[in-house]
PDB file of N, CA and C in Angstrom:
ATOM      1  N   MET A   1      -3.609 -33.300  33.448  1.00  0.00           N
ATOM      2  CA  MET A   1      -4.071 -32.497  32.329  1.00  0.00           C
ATOM      3  C   MET A   1      -3.709 -31.023  32.521  1.00  0.00           C
ATOM      4  N   ARG A   2      -3.867 -30.563  33.760  1.00  0.00           N
ATOM      5  CA  ARG A   2      -3.560 -29.162  34.045  1.00  0.00           C
ATOM      6  C   ARG A   2      -2.069 -28.883  33.815  1.00  0.00           C
ATOM      7  N   LEU A   3      -1.224 -29.784  34.250  1.00  0.00           N
ATOM      8  CA  LEU A   3       0.223 -29.635  34.056  1.00  0.00           C
ATOM      9  C   LEU A   3       0.556 -29.606  32.564  1.00  0.00           C
ATOM     10  N   PHE A   4      -0.101 -30.428  31.800  1.00  0.00           N
ATOM     11  CA  PHE A   4       0.098 -30.459  30.351  1.00  0.00           C
ATOM     12  C   PHE A   4      -0.226 -29.092  29.722  1.00  0.00           C
ATOM     13  N   LEU A   5      -1.327 -28.479  30.132  1.00  0.00           N
ATOM     14  CA  LEU A   5      -1.729 -27.170  29.603  1.00  0.00           C
ATOM     15  C   LEU A   5      -0.741 -26.080  29.997  1.00  0.00           C
ATOM     16  N   ILE A   6      -0.211 -26.165  31.211  1.00  0.00           N
ATOM     17  CA  ILE A   6       0.778 -25.175  31.664  1.00  0.00           C
ATOM     18  C   ILE A   6       2.054 -25.298  30.838  1.00  0.00           C
ATOM     19  N   VAL A   7       2.509 -26.527  30.642  1.00  0.00           N
ATOM     20  CA  VAL A   7       3.714 -26.754  29.830  1.00  0.00           C
ATOM     21  C   VAL A   7       3.487 -26.281  28.395  1.00  0.00           C
ATOM     22  N   LEU A   8       2.335 -26.608  27.835  1.00  0.00           N
ATOM     23  CA  LEU A   8       2.007 -26.200  26.471  1.00  0.00           C
ATOM     24  C   LEU A   8       1.953 -24.678  26.352  1.00  0.00           C
ATOM     25  N   ALA A   9       1.331 -24.010  27.305  1.00  0.00           N
ATOM     26  CA  ALA A   9       1.252 -22.548  27.298  1.00  0.00           C
ATOM     27  C   ALA A   9       2.646 -21.939  27.408  1.00  0.00           C
ATOM     28  N   THR A  10       3.479 -22.510  28.262  1.00  0.00           N
ATOM     29  CA  THR A  10       4.856 -22.020  28.425  1.00  0.00           C
ATOM     30  C   THR A  10       5.630 -22.149  27.113  1.00  0.00           C
ATOM     31  N   LEU A  11       5.502 -23.298  26.458  1.00  0.00           N
ATOM     32  CA  LEU A  11       6.195 -23.507  25.181  1.00  0.00           C
ATOM     33  C   LEU A  11       5.710 -22.533  24.115  1.00  0.00           C
ATOM     34  N   LEU A  12       4.418 -22.277  24.103  1.00  0.00           N
ATOM     35  CA  LEU A  12       3.882 -21.318  23.128  1.00  0.00           C
ATOM     36  C   LEU A  12       4.417 -19.926  23.370  1.00  0.00           C
ATOM     37  N   VAL A  13       4.479 -19.509  24.635  1.00  0.00           N
ATOM     38  CA  VAL A  13       4.999 -18.177  24.973  1.00  0.00           C
ATOM     39  C   VAL A  13       6.468 -18.080  24.597  1.00  0.00           C
ATOM     40  N   LEU A  14       7.240 -19.096  24.945  1.00  0.00           N
ATOM     41  CA  LEU A  14       8.664 -19.083  24.598  1.00  0.00           C
ATOM     42  C   LEU A  14       8.864 -19.100  23.086  1.00  0.00           C
ATOM     43  N   GLY A  15       8.069 -19.853  22.386  1.00  0.00           N
ATOM     44  CA  GLY A  15       8.175 -19.909  20.927  1.00  0.00           C
ATOM     45  C   GLY A  15       7.857 -18.573  20.288  1.00  0.00           C
ATOM     46  N   CYS A  16       6.874 -17.865  20.820  1.00  0.00           N
ATOM     47  CA  CYS A  16       6.515 -16.544  20.281  1.00  0.00           C
ATOM     48  C   CYS A  16       7.593 -15.522  20.580  1.00  0.00           C
ATOM     49  N   ALA A  17       8.240 -15.672  21.730  1.00  0.00           N
ATOM     50  CA  ALA A  17       9.281 -14.716  22.102  1.00  0.00           C
ATOM     51  C   ALA A  17      10.494 -14.843  21.192  1.00  0.00           C
ATOM     52  N   GLN A  18      10.662 -15.985  20.560  1.00  0.00           N
ATOM     53  CA  GLN A  18      11.817 -16.193  19.700  1.00  0.00           C
ATOM     54  C   GLN A  18      11.392 -16.373  18.247  1.00  0.00           C
ATOM     55  N   ALA A  19      10.452 -15.576  17.815  1.00  0.00           N
ATOM     56  CA  ALA A  19       9.975 -15.653  16.435  1.00  0.00           C
ATOM     57  C   ALA A  19      11.132 -15.361  15.480  1.00  0.00           C
ATOM     58  N   PRO A  20      11.158 -16.044  14.369  1.00  0.00           N
ATOM     59  CA  PRO A  20      12.248 -15.799  13.423  1.00  0.00           C
ATOM     60  C   PRO A  20      12.227 -14.360  12.933  1.00  0.00           C
ATOM     61  N   LYS A  21      13.426 -13.846  12.732  1.00  0.00           N
ATOM     62  CA  LYS A  21      13.554 -12.475  12.243  1.00  0.00           C
ATOM     63  C   LYS A  21      13.158 -12.408  10.781  1.00  0.00           C
ATOM     64  N   GLU A  22      12.479 -11.334  10.442  1.00  0.00           N
ATOM     65  CA  GLU A  22      12.122 -11.126   9.039  1.00  0.00           C
ATOM     66  C   GLU A  22      13.333 -10.615   8.287  1.00  0.00           C
ATOM     67  N   ALA A  23      13.442 -11.007   7.060  1.00  0.00           N
ATOM     68  CA  ALA A  23      14.512 -10.474   6.216  1.00  0.00           C
ATOM     69  C   ALA A  23      14.235  -9.000   5.989  1.00  0.00           C
ATOM     70  N   PRO A  24      15.269  -8.171   5.951  1.00  0.00           N
ATOM     71  CA  PRO A  24      15.034  -6.751   5.705  1.00  0.00           C
ATOM     72  C   PRO A  24      14.357  -6.559   4.359  1.00  0.00           C
ATOM     73  N   LYS A  25      13.408  -5.661   4.354  1.00  0.00           N
ATOM     74  CA  LYS A  25      12.685  -5.401   3.116  1.00  0.00           C
ATOM     75  C   LYS A  25      13.563  -4.565   2.183  1.00  0.00           C
ATOM     76  N   ALA A  26      13.565  -4.962   0.947  1.00  0.00           N
ATOM     77  CA  ALA A  26      14.352  -4.224  -0.042  1.00  0.00           C
ATOM     78  C   ALA A  26      13.703  -2.877  -0.282  1.00  0.00           C
ATOM     79  N   SER A  27      14.535  -1.872  -0.469  1.00  0.00           N
ATOM     80  CA  SER A  27      13.981  -0.555  -0.774  1.00  0.00           C
ATOM     81  C   SER A  27      13.398  -0.599  -2.181  1.00  0.00           C
ATOM     82  N   PRO A  28      12.392   0.219  -2.409  1.00  0.00           N
ATOM     83  CA  PRO A  28      11.799   0.204  -3.746  1.00  0.00           C
ATOM     84  C   PRO A  28      12.874   0.485  -4.796  1.00  0.00           C
ATOM     85  N   ALA A  29      12.809  -0.246  -5.865  1.00  0.00           N
ATOM     86  CA  ALA A  29      13.817  -0.091  -6.924  1.00  0.00           C
ATOM     87  C   ALA A  29      13.787   1.328  -7.471  1.00  0.00           C
ATOM     88  N   LYS A  30      14.948   1.919  -7.567  1.00  0.00           N
ATOM     89  CA  LYS A  30      15.047   3.260  -8.137  1.00  0.00           C
ATOM     90  C   LYS A  30      15.198   3.131  -9.637  1.00  0.00           C
ATOM     91  N   ASP A  31      14.713   4.130 -10.327  1.00  0.00           N
ATOM     92  CA  ASP A  31      14.900   4.191 -11.767  1.00  0.00           C
ATOM     93  C   ASP A  31      16.402   4.348 -12.014  1.00  0.00           C
ATOM     94  N   PRO A  32      17.015   3.429 -12.761  1.00  0.00           N
ATOM     95  CA  PRO A  32      18.463   3.503 -12.964  1.00  0.00           C
ATOM     96  C   PRO A  32      18.918   4.827 -13.591  1.00  0.00           C
ATOM     97  N   VAL A  33      18.121   5.383 -14.483  1.00  0.00           N
ATOM     98  CA  VAL A  33      18.514   6.648 -15.125  1.00  0.00           C
ATOM     99  C   VAL A  33      18.539   7.767 -14.088  1.00  0.00           C
ATOM    100  N   GLU A  34      17.536   7.807 -13.227  1.00  0.00           N
ATOM    101  CA  GLU A  34      17.495   8.845 -12.188  1.00  0.00           C
ATOM    102  C   GLU A  34      18.631   8.654 -11.181  1.00  0.00           C
ATOM    103  N   LEU A  35      18.896   7.401 -10.819  1.00  0.00           N
ATOM    104  CA  LEU A  35      20.015   7.127  -9.915  1.00  0.00           C
ATOM    105  C   LEU A  35      21.326   7.543 -10.563  1.00  0.00           C
ATOM    106  N   GLY A  36      21.499   7.225 -11.848  1.00  0.00           N
ATOM    107  CA  GLY A  36      22.713   7.615 -12.564  1.00  0.00           C
ATOM    108  C   GLY A  36      22.884   9.121 -12.640  1.00  0.00           C
ATOM    109  N   LYS A  37      21.786   9.815 -12.855  1.00  0.00           N
ATOM    110  CA  LYS A  37      21.838  11.285 -12.915  1.00  0.00           C
ATOM    111  C   LYS A  37      22.274  11.855 -11.567  1.00  0.00           C
ATOM    112  N   ALA A  38      21.759  11.272 -10.481  1.00  0.00           N
ATOM    113  CA  ALA A  38      22.156  11.713  -9.141  1.00  0.00           C
ATOM    114  C   ALA A  38      23.627  11.398  -8.886  1.00  0.00           C
ATOM    115  N   LEU A  39      24.070  10.213  -9.285  1.00  0.00           N
ATOM    116  CA  LEU A  39      25.476   9.825  -9.098  1.00  0.00           C
ATOM    117  C   LEU A  39      26.415  10.710  -9.908  1.00  0.00           C
ATOM    118  N   PHE A  40      25.961  11.186 -11.050  1.00  0.00           N
ATOM    119  CA  PHE A  40      26.767  12.053 -11.910  1.00  0.00           C
ATOM    120  C   PHE A  40      27.154  13.336 -11.168  1.00  0.00           C
ATOM    121  N   GLN A  41      26.367  13.665 -10.150  1.00  0.00           N
ATOM    122  CA  GLN A  41      26.606  14.885  -9.368  1.00  0.00           C
ATOM    123  C   GLN A  41      27.062  14.574  -7.945  1.00  0.00           C
ATOM    124  N   ASP A  42      27.498  13.332  -7.717  1.00  0.00           N
ATOM    125  CA  ASP A  42      27.846  12.860  -6.377  1.00  0.00           C
ATOM    126  C   ASP A  42      29.368  12.795  -6.202  1.00  0.00           C
ATOM    127  N   SER A  43      29.876  13.557  -5.265  1.00  0.00           N
ATOM    128  CA  SER A  43      31.328  13.597  -5.048  1.00  0.00           C
ATOM    129  C   SER A  43      31.857  12.366  -4.323  1.00  0.00           C
ATOM    130  N   SER A  44      30.977  11.486  -3.842  1.00  0.00           N
ATOM    131  CA  SER A  44      31.448  10.304  -3.110  1.00  0.00           C
ATOM    132  C   SER A  44      32.062   9.239  -4.025  1.00  0.00           C
ATOM    133  N   LEU A  45      31.966   9.405  -5.333  1.00  0.00           N
ATOM    134  CA  LEU A  45      32.587   8.442  -6.251  1.00  0.00           C
ATOM    135  C   LEU A  45      34.109   8.547  -6.237  1.00  0.00           C
ATOM    136  N   GLY A  46      34.616   9.667  -5.764  1.00  0.00           N
ATOM    137  CA  GLY A  46      36.061   9.862  -5.746  1.00  0.00           C
ATOM    138  C   GLY A  46      36.517  10.480  -4.451  1.00  0.00           C
ATOM    139  N   THR A  47      37.764  10.940  -4.448  1.00  0.00           N
ATOM    140  CA  THR A  47      38.345  11.524  -3.233  1.00  0.00           C
ATOM    141  C   THR A  47      38.748  12.977  -3.426  1.00  0.00           C
ATOM    142  N   THR A  48      38.476  13.545  -4.603  1.00  0.00           N
ATOM    143  CA  THR A  48      38.906  14.918  -4.895  1.00  0.00           C
ATOM    144  C   THR A  48      37.863  15.964  -4.536  1.00  0.00           C
ATOM    145  N   GLY A  49      36.651  15.522  -4.202  1.00  0.00           N
ATOM    146  CA  GLY A  49      35.565  16.465  -3.944  1.00  0.00           C
ATOM    147  C   GLY A  49      34.861  16.886  -5.227  1.00  0.00           C
ATOM    148  N   GLN A  50      35.345  16.380  -6.359  1.00  0.00           N
ATOM    149  CA  GLN A  50      34.733  16.710  -7.641  1.00  0.00           C
ATOM    150  C   GLN A  50      33.695  15.653  -8.013  1.00  0.00           C
ATOM    151  N   THR A  51      32.917  15.967  -9.030  1.00  0.00           N
ATOM    152  CA  THR A  51      31.905  15.042  -9.536  1.00  0.00           C
ATOM    153  C   THR A  51      32.101  14.890 -11.039  1.00  0.00           C
ATOM    154  N   CYS A  52      31.344  13.993 -11.636  1.00  0.00           N
ATOM    155  CA  CYS A  52      31.377  13.860 -13.099  1.00  0.00           C
ATOM    156  C   CYS A  52      30.998  15.192 -13.747  1.00  0.00           C
ATOM    157  N   LYS A  53      30.057  15.880 -13.105  1.00  0.00           N
ATOM    158  CA  LYS A  53      29.554  17.145 -13.639  1.00  0.00           C
ATOM    159  C   LYS A  53      30.614  18.252 -13.600  1.00  0.00           C
ATOM    160  N   THR A  54      31.647  18.084 -12.802  1.00  0.00           N
ATOM    161  CA  THR A  54      32.729  19.063 -12.754  1.00  0.00           C
ATOM    162  C   THR A  54      33.372  19.196 -14.143  1.00  0.00           C
ATOM    163  N   CYS A  55      33.634  18.061 -14.776  1.00  0.00           N
ATOM    164  CA  CYS A  55      34.259  18.065 -16.109  1.00  0.00           C
ATOM    165  C   CYS A  55      33.215  18.125 -17.227  1.00  0.00           C
ATOM    166  N   HIS A  56      32.004  17.711 -16.926  1.00  0.00           N
ATOM    167  CA  HIS A  56      30.933  17.650 -17.936  1.00  0.00           C
ATOM    168  C   HIS A  56      29.732  18.439 -17.413  1.00  0.00           C
ATOM    169  N   PRO A  57      29.826  19.788 -17.367  1.00  0.00           N
ATOM    170  CA  PRO A  57      28.784  20.591 -16.729  1.00  0.00           C
ATOM    171  C   PRO A  57      27.417  20.557 -17.420  1.00  0.00           C
ATOM    172  N   ASN A  58      27.382  20.286 -18.707  1.00  0.00           N
ATOM    173  CA  ASN A  58      26.120  20.238 -19.449  1.00  0.00           C
ATOM    174  C   ASN A  58      25.990  18.906 -20.187  1.00  0.00           C
ATOM    175  N   PRO A  59      25.863  17.805 -19.452  1.00  0.00           N
ATOM    176  CA  PRO A  59      25.881  16.496 -20.112  1.00  0.00           C
ATOM    177  C   PRO A  59      24.741  16.302 -21.110  1.00  0.00           C
ATOM    178  N   GLU A  60      23.592  16.939 -20.863  1.00  0.00           N
ATOM    179  CA  GLU A  60      22.454  16.763 -21.767  1.00  0.00           C
ATOM    180  C   GLU A  60      22.784  17.222 -23.188  1.00  0.00           C
ATOM    181  N   THR A  61      23.668  18.203 -23.313  1.00  0.00           N
ATOM    182  CA  THR A  61      24.051  18.673 -24.649  1.00  0.00           C
ATOM    183  C   THR A  61      25.432  18.153 -25.058  1.00  0.00           C
ATOM    184  N   SER A  62      26.417  18.289 -24.171  1.00  0.00           N
ATOM    185  CA  SER A  62      27.783  17.921 -24.549  1.00  0.00           C
ATOM    186  C   SER A  62      28.009  16.417 -24.661  1.00  0.00           C
ATOM    187  N   MET A  63      27.154  15.624 -24.017  1.00  0.00           N
ATOM    188  CA  MET A  63      27.356  14.179 -24.046  1.00  0.00           C
ATOM    189  C   MET A  63      26.222  13.450 -24.766  1.00  0.00           C
ATOM    190  N   SER A  64      25.415  14.190 -25.460  1.00  0.00           N
ATOM    191  CA  SER A  64      24.293  13.605 -26.192  1.00  0.00           C
ATOM    192  C   SER A  64      24.803  12.544 -27.169  1.00  0.00           C
ATOM    193  N   GLY A  65      24.229  11.356 -27.115  1.00  0.00           N
ATOM    194  CA  GLY A  65      24.614  10.275 -28.017  1.00  0.00           C
ATOM    195  C   GLY A  65      25.823   9.471 -27.574  1.00  0.00           C
ATOM    196  N   VAL A  66      26.391   9.808 -26.418  1.00  0.00           N
ATOM    197  CA  VAL A  66      27.608   9.115 -25.968  1.00  0.00           C
ATOM    198  C   VAL A  66      27.362   7.614 -25.765  1.00  0.00           C
ATOM    199  N   GLY A  67      26.164   7.242 -25.388  1.00  0.00           N
ATOM    200  CA  GLY A  67      25.859   5.831 -25.153  1.00  0.00           C
ATOM    201  C   GLY A  67      25.944   4.981 -26.401  1.00  0.00           C
ATOM    202  N   LYS A  68      25.739   5.603 -27.557  1.00  0.00           N
ATOM    203  CA  LYS A  68      25.804   4.867 -28.829  1.00  0.00           C
ATOM    204  C   LYS A  68      27.213   4.855 -29.405  1.00  0.00           C
ATOM    205  N   LYS A  69      28.084   5.654 -28.845  1.00  0.00           N
ATOM    206  CA  LYS A  69      29.438   5.812 -29.381  1.00  0.00           C
ATOM    207  C   LYS A  69      30.371   4.650 -29.007  1.00  0.00           C
ATOM    208  N   TYR A  70      30.170   4.074 -27.847  1.00  0.00           N
ATOM    209  CA  TYR A  70      31.113   3.069 -27.332  1.00  0.00           C
ATOM    210  C   TYR A  70      30.628   1.662 -27.591  1.00  0.00           C
ATOM    211  N   PRO A  71      31.553   0.717 -27.764  1.00  0.00           N
ATOM    212  CA  PRO A  71      33.001   0.808 -27.608  1.00  0.00           C
ATOM    213  C   PRO A  71      33.633   1.652 -28.722  1.00  0.00           C
ATOM    214  N   ALA A  72      34.628   2.389 -28.307  1.00  0.00           N
ATOM    215  CA  ALA A  72      35.357   3.265 -29.225  1.00  0.00           C
ATOM    216  C   ALA A  72      36.709   3.605 -28.620  1.00  0.00           C
ATOM    217  N   TYR A  73      37.551   4.232 -29.429  1.00  0.00           N
ATOM    218  CA  TYR A  73      38.858   4.683 -28.959  1.00  0.00           C
ATOM    219  C   TYR A  73      38.637   5.851 -28.005  1.00  0.00           C
ATOM    220  N   PHE A  74      39.200   5.745 -26.813  1.00  0.00           N
ATOM    221  CA  PHE A  74      39.087   6.800 -25.807  1.00  0.00           C
ATOM    222  C   PHE A  74      40.437   7.478 -25.706  1.00  0.00           C
ATOM    223  N   ASN A  75      40.507   8.696 -26.147  1.00  0.00           N
ATOM    224  CA  ASN A  75      41.770   9.407 -26.294  1.00  0.00           C
ATOM    225  C   ASN A  75      42.542   9.553 -24.977  1.00  0.00           C
ATOM    226  N   MET A  76      41.842   9.834 -23.886  1.00  0.00           N
ATOM    227  CA  MET A  76      42.543  10.032 -22.611  1.00  0.00           C
ATOM    228  C   MET A  76      43.283   8.773 -22.170  1.00  0.00           C
ATOM    229  N   ALA A  77      42.705   7.607 -22.448  1.00  0.00           N
ATOM    230  CA  ALA A  77      43.340   6.342 -22.066  1.00  0.00           C
ATOM    231  C   ALA A  77      44.201   5.774 -23.188  1.00  0.00           C
ATOM    232  N   LYS A  78      44.053   6.355 -24.356  1.00  0.00           N
ATOM    233  CA  LYS A  78      44.801   5.924 -25.540  1.00  0.00           C
ATOM    234  C   LYS A  78      44.549   4.462 -25.903  1.00  0.00           C
ATOM    235  N   LYS A  79      43.282   4.055 -25.788  1.00  0.00           N
ATOM    236  CA  LYS A  79      42.907   2.701 -26.198  1.00  0.00           C
ATOM    237  C   LYS A  79      41.394   2.633 -26.400  1.00  0.00           C
ATOM    238  N   GLU A  80      40.942   1.550 -27.038  1.00  0.00           N
ATOM    239  CA  GLU A  80      39.513   1.334 -27.218  1.00  0.00           C
ATOM    240  C   GLU A  80      38.918   0.856 -25.902  1.00  0.00           C
ATOM    241  N   MET A  81      37.753   1.420 -25.560  1.00  0.00           N
ATOM    242  CA  MET A  81      37.116   1.083 -24.295  1.00  0.00           C
ATOM    243  C   MET A  81      35.598   1.016 -24.460  1.00  0.00           C
ATOM    244  N   THR A  82      34.961   0.291 -23.545  1.00  0.00           N
ATOM    245  CA  THR A  82      33.501   0.287 -23.478  1.00  0.00           C
ATOM    246  C   THR A  82      33.069   1.492 -22.634  1.00  0.00           C
ATOM    247  N   LEU A  83      31.794   1.781 -22.654  1.00  0.00           N
ATOM    248  CA  LEU A  83      31.287   2.895 -21.860  1.00  0.00           C
ATOM    249  C   LEU A  83      31.530   2.659 -20.367  1.00  0.00           C
ATOM    250  N   LYS A  84      31.341   1.435 -19.891  1.00  0.00           N
ATOM    251  CA  LYS A  84      31.601   1.129 -18.477  1.00  0.00           C
ATOM    252  C   LYS A  84      33.074   1.357 -18.132  1.00  0.00           C
ATOM    253  N   GLU A  85      33.960   0.988 -19.039  1.00  0.00           N
ATOM    254  CA  GLU A  85      35.397   1.205 -18.798  1.00  0.00           C
ATOM    255  C   GLU A  85      35.725   2.695 -18.747  1.00  0.00           C
ATOM    256  N   VAL A  86      35.080   3.474 -19.598  1.00  0.00           N
ATOM    257  CA  VAL A  86      35.299   4.922 -19.591  1.00  0.00           C
ATOM    258  C   VAL A  86      34.798   5.522 -18.283  1.00  0.00           C
ATOM    259  N   ILE A  87      33.628   5.078 -17.842  1.00  0.00           N
ATOM    260  CA  ILE A  87      33.091   5.563 -16.565  1.00  0.00           C
ATOM    261  C   ILE A  87      34.085   5.274 -15.447  1.00  0.00           C
ATOM    262  N   ASN A  88      34.593   4.042 -15.386  1.00  0.00           N
ATOM    263  CA  ASN A  88      35.564   3.694 -14.344  1.00  0.00           C
ATOM    264  C   ASN A  88      36.874   4.456 -14.509  1.00  0.00           C
ATOM    265  N   PHE A  89      37.297   4.694 -15.742  1.00  0.00           N
ATOM    266  CA  PHE A  89      38.507   5.498 -15.973  1.00  0.00           C
ATOM    267  C   PHE A  89      38.320   6.877 -15.339  1.00  0.00           C
ATOM    268  N   CYS A  90      37.165   7.480 -15.590  1.00  0.00           N
ATOM    269  CA  CYS A  90      36.911   8.820 -15.044  1.00  0.00           C
ATOM    270  C   CYS A  90      36.827   8.799 -13.520  1.00  0.00           C
ATOM    271  N   ILE A  91      36.281   7.732 -12.961  1.00  0.00           N
ATOM    272  CA  ILE A  91      36.237   7.619 -11.501  1.00  0.00           C
ATOM    273  C   ILE A  91      37.648   7.470 -10.944  1.00  0.00           C
ATOM    274  N   GLU A  92      38.472   6.640 -11.594  1.00  0.00           N
ATOM    275  CA  GLU A  92      39.815   6.369 -11.078  1.00  0.00           C
ATOM    276  C   GLU A  92      40.804   7.511 -11.309  1.00  0.00           C
ATOM    277  N   VAL A  93      40.748   8.142 -12.475  1.00  0.00           N
ATOM    278  CA  VAL A  93      41.783   9.131 -12.805  1.00  0.00           C
ATOM    279  C   VAL A  93      41.392  10.538 -12.349  1.00  0.00           C
ATOM    280  N   PRO A  94      40.423  11.204 -12.978  1.00  0.00           N
ATOM    281  CA  PRO A  94      40.119  12.564 -12.513  1.00  0.00           C
ATOM    282  C   PRO A  94      39.547  12.626 -11.091  1.00  0.00           C
ATOM    283  N   LEU A  95      38.668  11.676 -10.727  1.00  0.00           N
ATOM    284  CA  LEU A  95      38.040  11.727  -9.407  1.00  0.00           C
ATOM    285  C   LEU A  95      38.868  11.039  -8.324  1.00  0.00           C
ATOM    286  N   LYS A  96      39.871  10.268  -8.743  1.00  0.00           N
ATOM    287  CA  LYS A  96      40.761   9.539  -7.825  1.00  0.00           C
ATOM    288  C   LYS A  96      39.975   8.641  -6.853  1.00  0.00           C
ATOM    289  N   GLY A  97      39.039   7.876  -7.440  1.00  0.00           N
ATOM    290  CA  GLY A  97      38.240   6.938  -6.656  1.00  0.00           C
ATOM    291  C   GLY A  97      38.579   5.507  -7.047  1.00  0.00           C
ATOM    292  N   LYS A  98      37.813   4.583  -6.521  1.00  0.00           N
ATOM    293  CA  LYS A  98      38.005   3.165  -6.833  1.00  0.00           C
ATOM    294  C   LYS A  98      37.022   2.760  -7.924  1.00  0.00           C
ATOM    295  N   ALA A  99      37.511   1.984  -8.870  1.00  0.00           N
ATOM    296  CA  ALA A  99      36.655   1.489  -9.956  1.00  0.00           C
ATOM    297  C   ALA A  99      35.485   0.711  -9.369  1.00  0.00           C
ATOM    298  N   LEU A 100      34.342   0.832 -10.017  1.00  0.00           N
ATOM    299  CA  LEU A 100      33.148   0.109  -9.583  1.00  0.00           C
ATOM    300  C   LEU A 100      33.142  -1.274 -10.226  1.00  0.00           C
ATOM    301  N   PRO A 101      32.808  -2.322  -9.465  1.00  0.00           N
ATOM    302  CA  PRO A 101      32.744  -3.674 -10.033  1.00  0.00           C
ATOM    303  C   PRO A 101      31.717  -3.752 -11.162  1.00  0.00           C
ATOM    304  N   ALA A 102      31.902  -4.695 -12.065  1.00  0.00           N
ATOM    305  CA  ALA A 102      31.073  -4.822 -13.273  1.00  0.00           C
ATOM    306  C   ALA A 102      29.574  -4.827 -12.995  1.00  0.00           C
ATOM    307  N   GLY A 103      29.117  -5.507 -11.972  1.00  0.00           N
ATOM    308  CA  GLY A 103      27.685  -5.591 -11.711  1.00  0.00           C
ATOM    309  C   GLY A 103      27.171  -4.570 -10.710  1.00  0.00           C
ATOM    310  N   ASP A 104      28.006  -3.643 -10.306  1.00  0.00           N
ATOM    311  CA  ASP A 104      27.625  -2.657  -9.299  1.00  0.00           C
ATOM    312  C   ASP A 104      26.452  -1.800  -9.789  1.00  0.00           C
ATOM    313  N   GLU A 105      25.468  -1.640  -8.942  1.00  0.00           N
ATOM    314  CA  GLU A 105      24.271  -0.861  -9.275  1.00  0.00           C
ATOM    315  C   GLU A 105      24.625   0.561  -9.713  1.00  0.00           C
ATOM    316  N   ARG A 106      25.653   1.133  -9.103  1.00  0.00           N
ATOM    317  CA  ARG A 106      26.050   2.503  -9.445  1.00  0.00           C
ATOM    318  C   ARG A 106      26.632   2.575 -10.852  1.00  0.00           C
ATOM    319  N   LEU A 107      27.460   1.607 -11.207  1.00  0.00           N
ATOM    320  CA  LEU A 107      28.044   1.583 -12.551  1.00  0.00           C
ATOM    321  C   LEU A 107      26.945   1.405 -13.598  1.00  0.00           C
ATOM    322  N   LEU A 108      26.019   0.487 -13.336  1.00  0.00           N
ATOM    323  CA  LEU A 108      24.925   0.255 -14.274  1.00  0.00           C
ATOM    324  C   LEU A 108      24.029   1.481 -14.389  1.00  0.00           C
ATOM    325  N   ALA A 109      23.820   2.183 -13.274  1.00  0.00           N
ATOM    326  CA  ALA A 109      22.991   3.386 -13.292  1.00  0.00           C
ATOM    327  C   ALA A 109      23.679   4.519 -14.058  1.00  0.00           C
ATOM    328  N   LEU A 110      24.969   4.700 -13.841  1.00  0.00           N
ATOM    329  CA  LEU A 110      25.695   5.741 -14.596  1.00  0.00           C
ATOM    330  C   LEU A 110      25.652   5.442 -16.087  1.00  0.00           C
ATOM    331  N   GLU A 111      25.834   4.168 -16.429  1.00  0.00           N
ATOM    332  CA  GLU A 111      25.765   3.774 -17.835  1.00  0.00           C
ATOM    333  C   GLU A 111      24.368   4.040 -18.404  1.00  0.00           C
ATOM    334  N   ALA A 112      23.332   3.696 -17.646  1.00  0.00           N
ATOM    335  CA  ALA A 112      21.951   3.926 -18.095  1.00  0.00           C
ATOM    336  C   ALA A 112      21.681   5.421 -18.310  1.00  0.00           C
ATOM    337  N   TYR A 113      22.180   6.237 -17.386  1.00  0.00           N
ATOM    338  CA  TYR A 113      21.995   7.690 -17.516  1.00  0.00           C
ATOM    339  C   TYR A 113      22.682   8.210 -18.781  1.00  0.00           C
ATOM    340  N   LEU A 114      23.936   7.817 -18.990  1.00  0.00           N
ATOM    341  CA  LEU A 114      24.658   8.302 -20.165  1.00  0.00           C
ATOM    342  C   LEU A 114      24.015   7.812 -21.456  1.00  0.00           C
ATOM    343  N   LYS A 115      23.492   6.599 -21.449  1.00  0.00           N
ATOM    344  CA  LYS A 115      22.829   6.089 -22.647  1.00  0.00           C
ATOM    345  C   LYS A 115      21.493   6.805 -22.904  1.00  0.00           C
ATOM    346  N   SER A 116      20.940   7.413 -21.862  1.00  0.00           N
ATOM    347  CA  SER A 116      19.672   8.107 -22.017  1.00  0.00           C
ATOM    348  C   SER A 116      19.844   9.508 -22.621  1.00  0.00           C
ATOM    349  N   LEU A 117      21.066   9.981 -22.671  1.00  0.00           N
ATOM    350  CA  LEU A 117      21.319  11.340 -23.187  1.00  0.00           C
ATOM    351  C   LEU A 117      21.209  11.423 -24.692  1.00  0.00           C
TER     352      LEU A 117
END
């Protein structure tokens, strides 16, 4: 009986030492509009050191209603585009960055911010 208890105690100690790892806790969800506003001023979207705000210094006034405008003809690209496509165009061309994938949190946040104007 004593040997049984020693073996059982050993197994319990070893089992506790190898407890399964917890999944990393997700960070609290950020408000997409606030995240988009921050990204609008973030130079990491491209490689030029510029931001969206470089070309659009007063988005609250100069871009008011832009979210309702698209899809529409975008003169710089010379074709009709959605708002997400325009955002990626600006990231790729003036900022010289990589386009954001369709479901990327940053793309959705930038779109949410522009639609909030």
